């Protein structure tokens, strides 16, 4: 198979499925369909990234049962070719507010359990200043530092939007006391982005996509990001936690509740800071919308109200206020 030919074919297509960091193009070949994955040039980095995705996929392959199979990778030009995963995106069949298929929470917990078995030495090299194994406080401070950096980058340009949403001038101050109290747990490979758009379901099996945000860190953080992004129904949430506590090694779940709450508070604050910018840009550009515009407004409203809990703001914001703030920044047609 001529891999570079696939890249050229993918570049010529205009129907790519895009996340925030990559275009994903399905192409048919003589050996079956594949996904060509091409980084989005100039994408704003809003998440902690320490590794390229390709060596992560190679490292986890013997341990994680349901992840994309890497067929080819190139650094110049940068692209990957993945085996095509048959099935449906979970978000298409079970968006927020709709119960997920019964097997999904069990599959997620199985993934988290499998990730505890990925040896550190099989993964790519860590940054020289990466927190020592088990130092969950230092790990959380790395997450905190990036969120602060994102806020500092956009605080002036989006000052009116942040003010309309009630974002405090020091939005992360509420987290400072939480990080020293985190319990030490063994570090594992964490996916850090398991949500409805990164899961393909087919015949009772979930496959987990998009490993570019994988880290070496606290397993409770992976659980927190997943819970934050999934927005499970109450019964589903409780079932997930029960399965996670049963499946994970005991030392990986020590003092999990208080630390889960701390990570969730951070993720809610980060989502408001980041998605205020991302969604504002979407409205200003007239798309492409990740969801229908009214749903984007409702999601942003929910994110802000979730962040108001750690901020100590009692009064909820309304969808009308959020819509007005976004539309105030949208250029008027001439």
Protein backbone atom coordinates (compact mmCIF):
# COMPACT_ATOMS: atom_id res chain seq x y z
CA UNK A 1 0.00 0.00 0.00
CA UNK A 2 1.36 3.45 -0.94
CA UNK A 3 0.94 5.33 2.31
CA UNK A 4 1.84 8.71 0.87
CA UNK A 5 -0.86 8.26 -1.76
CA UNK A 6 -3.37 7.83 1.05
CA UNK A 7 -2.15 11.09 2.56
CA UNK A 8 -2.65 12.93 -0.73
CA UNK A 9 -6.13 11.46 -1.12
CA UNK A 10 -7.00 12.45 2.44
CA UNK A 11 -5.75 16.00 1.91
CA UNK A 12 -8.03 16.35 -1.10
CA UNK A 13 -11.14 15.42 0.85
CA UNK A 14 -13.39 18.05 2.41
CA UNK A 15 -15.49 15.76 4.60
CA UNK A 16 -13.03 15.05 7.40
CA UNK A 17 -14.30 14.42 10.91
CA UNK A 18 -12.39 16.86 13.09
CA UNK A 19 -11.62 16.99 16.75
CA UNK A 20 -9.68 19.85 18.26
CA UNK A 21 -6.27 18.51 17.23
CA UNK A 22 -6.71 16.14 14.26
CA UNK A 23 -8.64 15.61 11.04
CA UNK A 24 -9.83 12.01 10.57
CA UNK A 25 -10.56 10.86 7.03
CA UNK A 26 -12.02 7.46 6.15
CA UNK A 27 -10.59 6.04 2.93
CA UNK A 28 -11.27 2.76 1.16
CA UNK A 29 -8.28 0.64 0.13
CA UNK A 30 -7.82 -2.75 -1.49
CA UNK A 31 -7.22 -4.13 2.02
CA UNK A 32 -10.31 -2.50 3.51
CA UNK A 33 -11.18 0.92 4.96
CA UNK A 34 -8.66 2.91 7.00
CA UNK A 35 -8.58 6.19 8.89
CA UNK A 36 -5.99 8.77 7.89
CA UNK A 37 -5.32 11.04 10.87
CA UNK A 38 -3.74 14.42 10.11
CA UNK A 39 -2.84 17.01 12.79
CA UNK A 40 -4.65 20.35 12.52
CA UNK A 41 -1.99 22.96 11.85
CA UNK A 42 -1.98 25.80 14.36
CA UNK A 43 -4.54 24.23 16.70
CA UNK A 44 -4.72 26.00 20.05
CA UNK A 45 -3.29 23.69 22.70
CA UNK A 46 -5.80 23.58 25.53
CA UNK A 47 -4.77 20.28 27.12
CA UNK A 48 -1.64 18.85 28.70
CA UNK A 49 0.29 16.93 26.05
CA UNK A 50 3.62 15.21 26.64
CA UNK A 51 3.77 12.47 23.99
CA UNK A 52 3.05 11.82 20.37
CA UNK A 53 0.07 9.56 19.90
CA UNK A 54 1.80 6.96 17.72
CA UNK A 55 4.27 5.56 20.29
CA UNK A 56 1.48 5.51 22.89
CA UNK A 57 -0.64 3.31 20.62
CA UNK A 58 2.32 1.00 20.09
CA UNK A 59 3.02 0.79 23.83
CA UNK A 60 -0.54 0.03 24.90
CA UNK A 61 -1.33 -2.46 22.12
CA UNK A 62 -0.40 -5.61 24.11
CA UNK A 63 -2.39 -4.47 27.15
CA UNK A 64 -5.46 -2.56 25.93
CA UNK A 65 -7.90 -4.78 24.09
CA UNK A 66 -9.96 -2.16 22.26
CA UNK A 67 -7.91 0.70 20.84
CA UNK A 68 -7.05 1.67 17.25
CA UNK A 69 -4.43 -0.45 15.53
CA UNK A 70 -1.66 1.73 14.10
CA UNK A 71 -0.85 0.76 10.52
CA UNK A 72 1.59 3.50 9.50
CA UNK A 73 3.03 6.74 10.77
CA UNK A 74 4.92 9.59 9.12
CA UNK A 75 6.61 12.64 10.63
CA UNK A 76 7.14 14.50 7.34
CA UNK A 77 4.40 15.12 6.43
CA UNK A 78 2.86 14.34 9.82
CA UNK A 79 0.04 11.80 9.63
CA UNK A 80 -1.03 8.39 10.86
CA UNK A 81 -3.00 5.57 9.31
CA UNK A 82 -5.27 3.61 11.65
CA UNK A 83 -7.29 0.50 11.14
CA UNK A 84 -10.92 1.50 10.59
CA UNK A 85 -13.15 0.72 13.56
CA UNK A 86 -16.61 -0.44 12.55
CA UNK A 87 -19.56 0.70 14.63
CA UNK A 88 -21.25 3.87 15.80
CA UNK A 89 -19.91 6.81 17.77
CA UNK A 90 -21.45 6.59 21.23
CA UNK A 91 -22.52 10.23 21.08
CA UNK A 92 -24.63 9.48 17.97
CA UNK A 93 -26.67 6.79 19.68
CA UNK A 94 -26.54 8.01 23.28
CA UNK A 95 -25.92 11.75 23.56
CA UNK A 96 -25.99 13.43 26.96
CA UNK A 97 -29.25 12.74 28.73
CA UNK A 98 -29.76 9.41 26.97
CA UNK A 99 -28.82 6.17 28.80
CA UNK A 100 -25.69 4.52 27.43
CA UNK A 101 -25.78 0.84 26.37
CA UNK A 102 -25.44 -1.49 29.35
CA UNK A 103 -21.92 -2.60 28.46
CA UNK A 104 -20.39 0.88 28.23
CA UNK A 105 -19.54 1.51 31.88
CA UNK A 106 -18.12 -2.01 32.19
CA UNK A 107 -15.99 -1.37 29.09
CA UNK A 108 -14.69 1.92 30.48
CA UNK A 109 -13.73 0.30 33.77
CA UNK A 110 -12.04 -2.54 31.88
CA UNK A 111 -10.01 0.06 29.99
CA UNK A 112 -8.92 1.79 33.20
CA UNK A 113 -7.97 -1.57 34.69
CA UNK A 114 -5.96 -2.56 31.61
CA UNK A 115 -4.09 0.75 31.71
CA UNK A 116 -2.75 -0.10 35.18
CA UNK A 117 -0.84 -2.95 33.53
CA UNK A 118 0.99 -0.89 30.90
CA UNK A 119 4.66 -0.84 32.04
CA UNK A 120 6.22 2.58 32.39
CA UNK A 121 9.27 1.47 30.40
CA UNK A 122 7.11 0.61 27.38
CA UNK A 123 5.78 4.17 27.10
CA UNK A 124 7.68 7.10 25.58
CA UNK A 125 10.20 9.06 27.61
CA UNK A 126 8.73 11.45 30.17
CA UNK A 127 9.75 15.11 30.37
CA UNK A 128 12.75 15.50 32.67
CA UNK A 129 10.72 17.53 35.17
CA UNK A 130 7.73 15.18 35.25
CA UNK A 131 6.41 14.45 38.77
CA UNK A 132 7.82 11.41 40.53
CA UNK A 133 5.68 8.29 40.60
CA UNK A 134 2.89 8.69 43.15
CA UNK A 135 3.33 12.44 43.61
CA UNK A 136 -0.29 13.26 42.85
CA UNK A 137 0.06 16.78 44.24
CA UNK A 138 2.81 17.63 41.74
CA UNK A 139 0.80 15.96 38.96
CA UNK A 140 -2.28 18.04 39.77
CA UNK A 141 -0.18 21.19 39.86
CA UNK A 142 0.94 20.49 36.28
CA UNK A 143 -2.70 20.39 35.22
CA UNK A 144 -3.40 23.52 37.25
CA UNK A 145 -0.45 25.37 35.70
CA UNK A 146 -1.66 24.72 32.16
CA UNK A 147 -5.19 25.89 32.98
CA UNK A 148 -3.73 29.04 34.49
CA UNK A 149 -1.60 29.56 31.38
CA UNK A 150 -4.66 29.21 29.14
CA UNK A 151 -6.56 31.74 31.24
CA UNK A 152 -3.64 34.17 31.21
CA UNK A 153 -3.39 33.83 27.42
CA UNK A 154 -7.03 34.70 26.76
CA UNK A 155 -8.07 36.80 29.76
CA UNK A 156 -7.64 40.16 28.01
CA UNK A 157 -9.04 39.24 24.60
CA UNK A 158 -12.05 37.52 26.17
CA UNK A 159 -12.41 39.75 29.24
CA UNK A 160 -15.96 40.76 28.31
CA UNK A 161 -17.02 37.14 27.88
CA UNK A 162 -15.40 35.96 31.11
CA UNK A 163 -17.05 38.88 32.93
CA UNK A 164 -20.46 38.05 31.46
CA UNK A 165 -20.03 34.45 32.60
CA UNK A 166 -18.97 35.48 36.11
CA UNK A 167 -15.47 34.03 35.89
CA UNK A 168 -13.45 35.35 38.85
CA UNK A 169 -10.28 37.28 38.12
CA UNK A 170 -8.38 34.46 39.88
CA UNK A 171 -10.44 31.47 38.74
CA UNK A 172 -8.08 28.81 40.08
CA UNK A 173 -7.63 30.27 43.55
CA UNK A 174 -10.34 27.91 44.78
CA UNK A 175 -8.11 24.93 43.92
CA UNK A 176 -4.96 25.96 45.76
CA UNK A 177 -5.88 24.33 49.06
CA UNK A 178 -6.97 21.06 47.44
CA UNK A 179 -3.74 19.95 45.80
CA UNK A 180 -1.54 19.51 48.92
CA UNK A 181 -4.22 17.22 50.37
CA UNK A 182 -4.16 14.70 47.52
CA UNK A 183 -3.31 11.13 48.49
CA UNK A 184 -0.33 9.40 46.90
CA UNK A 185 -1.30 6.68 44.41
CA UNK A 186 0.79 4.70 41.92
CA UNK A 187 0.92 6.40 38.53
CA UNK A 188 -0.48 4.64 35.48
CA UNK A 189 -0.99 5.39 31.82
CA UNK A 190 -4.09 7.59 31.69
CA UNK A 191 -6.09 8.24 28.53
CA UNK A 192 -7.35 11.60 29.86
CA UNK A 193 -10.07 12.04 27.23
CA UNK A 194 -12.58 9.17 27.38
CA UNK A 195 -15.94 10.62 26.35
CA UNK A 196 -18.91 9.96 24.07
CA UNK A 197 -17.23 11.17 20.87
CA UNK A 198 -14.10 9.08 21.50
CA UNK A 199 -15.92 5.77 21.84
CA UNK A 200 -17.07 3.49 19.01
CA UNK A 201 -19.60 0.85 20.00
CA UNK A 202 -20.34 -2.25 17.96
CA UNK A 203 -21.98 -5.53 18.95
CA UNK A 204 -21.61 -4.92 22.66
CA UNK A 205 -17.98 -3.74 22.54
CA UNK A 206 -16.55 -0.24 23.04
CA UNK A 207 -13.35 0.86 21.29
CA UNK A 208 -11.50 3.89 22.65
CA UNK A 209 -10.09 6.47 20.24
CA UNK A 210 -7.90 9.58 20.41
CA UNK A 211 -4.87 8.86 22.58
CA UNK A 212 -2.99 12.10 21.92
CA UNK A 213 -3.66 13.37 25.46
CA UNK A 214 -2.37 10.25 27.24
CA UNK A 215 -0.27 10.92 30.34
CA UNK A 216 1.58 9.12 33.10
CA UNK A 217 -0.33 10.07 36.21
CA UNK A 218 -3.02 9.62 38.82
CA UNK A 219 -5.69 7.01 37.89
CA UNK A 220 -8.31 9.03 39.82
CA UNK A 221 -7.71 11.90 37.38
CA UNK A 222 -8.67 9.65 34.44
CA UNK A 223 -11.89 8.75 36.23
CA UNK A 224 -12.62 12.43 36.95
CA UNK A 225 -12.13 13.56 33.35
CA UNK A 226 -14.37 10.74 32.14
CA UNK A 227 -17.15 11.54 34.62
CA UNK A 228 -16.92 15.26 33.86
CA UNK A 229 -17.15 14.80 30.10
CA UNK A 230 -19.72 12.00 30.04
CA UNK A 231 -22.34 13.62 32.30
CA UNK A 232 -23.82 10.24 33.17
CA UNK A 233 -27.35 9.80 34.44
CA UNK A 234 -27.36 9.19 38.24
CA UNK A 235 -27.75 5.40 38.11
CA UNK A 236 -25.03 5.10 35.49
CA UNK A 237 -22.65 7.23 37.55
CA UNK A 238 -23.14 5.06 40.63
CA UNK A 239 -22.71 1.87 38.63
CA UNK A 240 -19.47 3.15 37.09
CA UNK A 241 -18.01 4.00 40.49
CA UNK A 242 -18.98 0.62 41.96
CA UNK A 243 -17.36 -1.23 39.05
CA UNK A 244 -14.25 0.96 39.20
CA UNK A 245 -13.75 0.31 42.91
CA UNK A 246 -14.08 -3.44 42.33
CA UNK A 247 -11.78 -3.63 39.30
CA UNK A 248 -8.93 -1.33 40.27
CA UNK A 249 -6.06 -2.30 42.62
CA UNK A 250 -6.73 -1.09 46.16
CA UNK A 251 -3.72 1.27 46.26
CA UNK A 252 -4.98 2.96 43.07
CA UNK A 253 -8.27 3.92 44.75
CA UNK A 254 -7.02 5.09 48.17
CA UNK A 255 -8.97 8.13 49.43
CA UNK A 256 -10.55 8.33 45.99
CA UNK A 257 -13.67 10.32 46.90
CA UNK A 258 -12.09 13.53 48.13
CA UNK A 259 -9.52 13.52 45.32
CA UNK A 260 -12.15 12.79 42.67
CA UNK A 261 -14.08 15.82 43.91
CA UNK A 262 -10.93 17.97 43.70
CA UNK A 263 -10.14 16.91 40.14
CA UNK A 264 -13.79 17.39 39.12
CA UNK A 265 -13.75 20.93 40.48
CA UNK A 266 -10.65 21.68 38.43
CA UNK A 267 -12.13 20.17 35.25
CA UNK A 268 -15.31 22.23 35.67
CA UNK A 269 -13.29 25.43 36.02
CA UNK A 270 -11.07 24.49 33.10
CA UNK A 271 -14.07 23.72 30.88
CA UNK A 272 -15.53 27.17 31.47
CA UNK A 273 -12.23 28.89 30.73
CA UNK A 274 -11.46 26.80 27.63
CA UNK A 275 -14.90 26.35 26.12
CA UNK A 276 -15.80 30.00 26.48
CA UNK A 277 -12.99 30.62 23.99
CA UNK A 278 -13.63 27.62 21.75
CA UNK A 279 -17.38 28.12 21.47
CA UNK A 280 -17.02 31.87 21.01
CA UNK A 281 -14.71 31.21 18.08
CA UNK A 282 -17.21 28.75 16.61
CA UNK A 283 -20.03 31.29 16.78
CA UNK A 284 -17.81 34.06 15.39
CA UNK A 285 -16.80 31.85 12.44
CA UNK A 286 -20.29 30.51 11.83
CA UNK A 287 -19.15 26.95 12.54
CA UNK A 288 -18.27 24.19 12.31
CA UNK A 289 -20.45 23.56 15.35
CA UNK A 290 -19.57 20.51 17.49
CA UNK A 291 -23.31 20.29 18.30
CA UNK A 292 -26.37 22.25 17.08
CA UNK A 293 -26.04 25.88 18.26
CA UNK A 294 -28.87 25.71 20.85
CA UNK A 295 -27.20 22.63 22.35
CA UNK A 296 -23.85 24.44 22.45
CA UNK A 297 -25.51 27.24 24.42
CA UNK A 298 -27.12 24.78 26.84
CA UNK A 299 -23.84 22.91 27.30
CA UNK A 300 -21.92 26.12 27.98
CA UNK A 301 -24.58 27.17 30.49
CA UNK A 302 -24.25 23.85 32.31
CA UNK A 303 -20.45 24.15 32.34
CA UNK A 304 -20.55 27.63 33.86
CA UNK A 305 -23.06 26.61 36.51
CA UNK A 306 -20.93 23.58 37.43
CA UNK A 307 -17.87 25.84 37.83
CA UNK A 308 -19.84 28.22 40.02
CA UNK A 309 -19.95 25.60 42.76
CA UNK A 310 -16.17 25.68 43.50
CA UNK A 311 -16.25 29.44 42.90
CA UNK A 312 -18.91 29.80 45.60
CA UNK A 313 -21.34 31.63 43.30
CA UNK A 314 -24.89 30.72 44.29
CA UNK A 315 -26.92 32.34 41.51
CA UNK A 316 -27.04 30.25 38.30
CA UNK A 317 -26.48 31.78 34.91
CA UNK A 318 -29.21 31.42 32.28
CA UNK A 319 -28.94 30.14 28.73
CA UNK A 320 -30.26 33.50 27.53
CA UNK A 321 -27.35 35.31 29.19
CA UNK A 322 -24.84 32.89 27.67
CA UNK A 323 -26.37 33.24 24.20
CA UNK A 324 -26.36 37.03 24.46
CA UNK A 325 -22.68 37.05 25.47
CA UNK A 326 -21.66 34.83 22.54
CA UNK A 327 -23.75 36.74 20.02
CA UNK A 328 -22.33 40.06 21.24
CA UNK A 329 -18.93 38.86 19.99
CA UNK A 330 -20.23 37.54 16.67
CA UNK A 331 -19.49 39.84 13.72
CA UNK A 332 -22.60 41.36 12.15
CA UNK A 333 -23.10 40.67 8.43
CA UNK A 334 -22.73 43.78 6.25
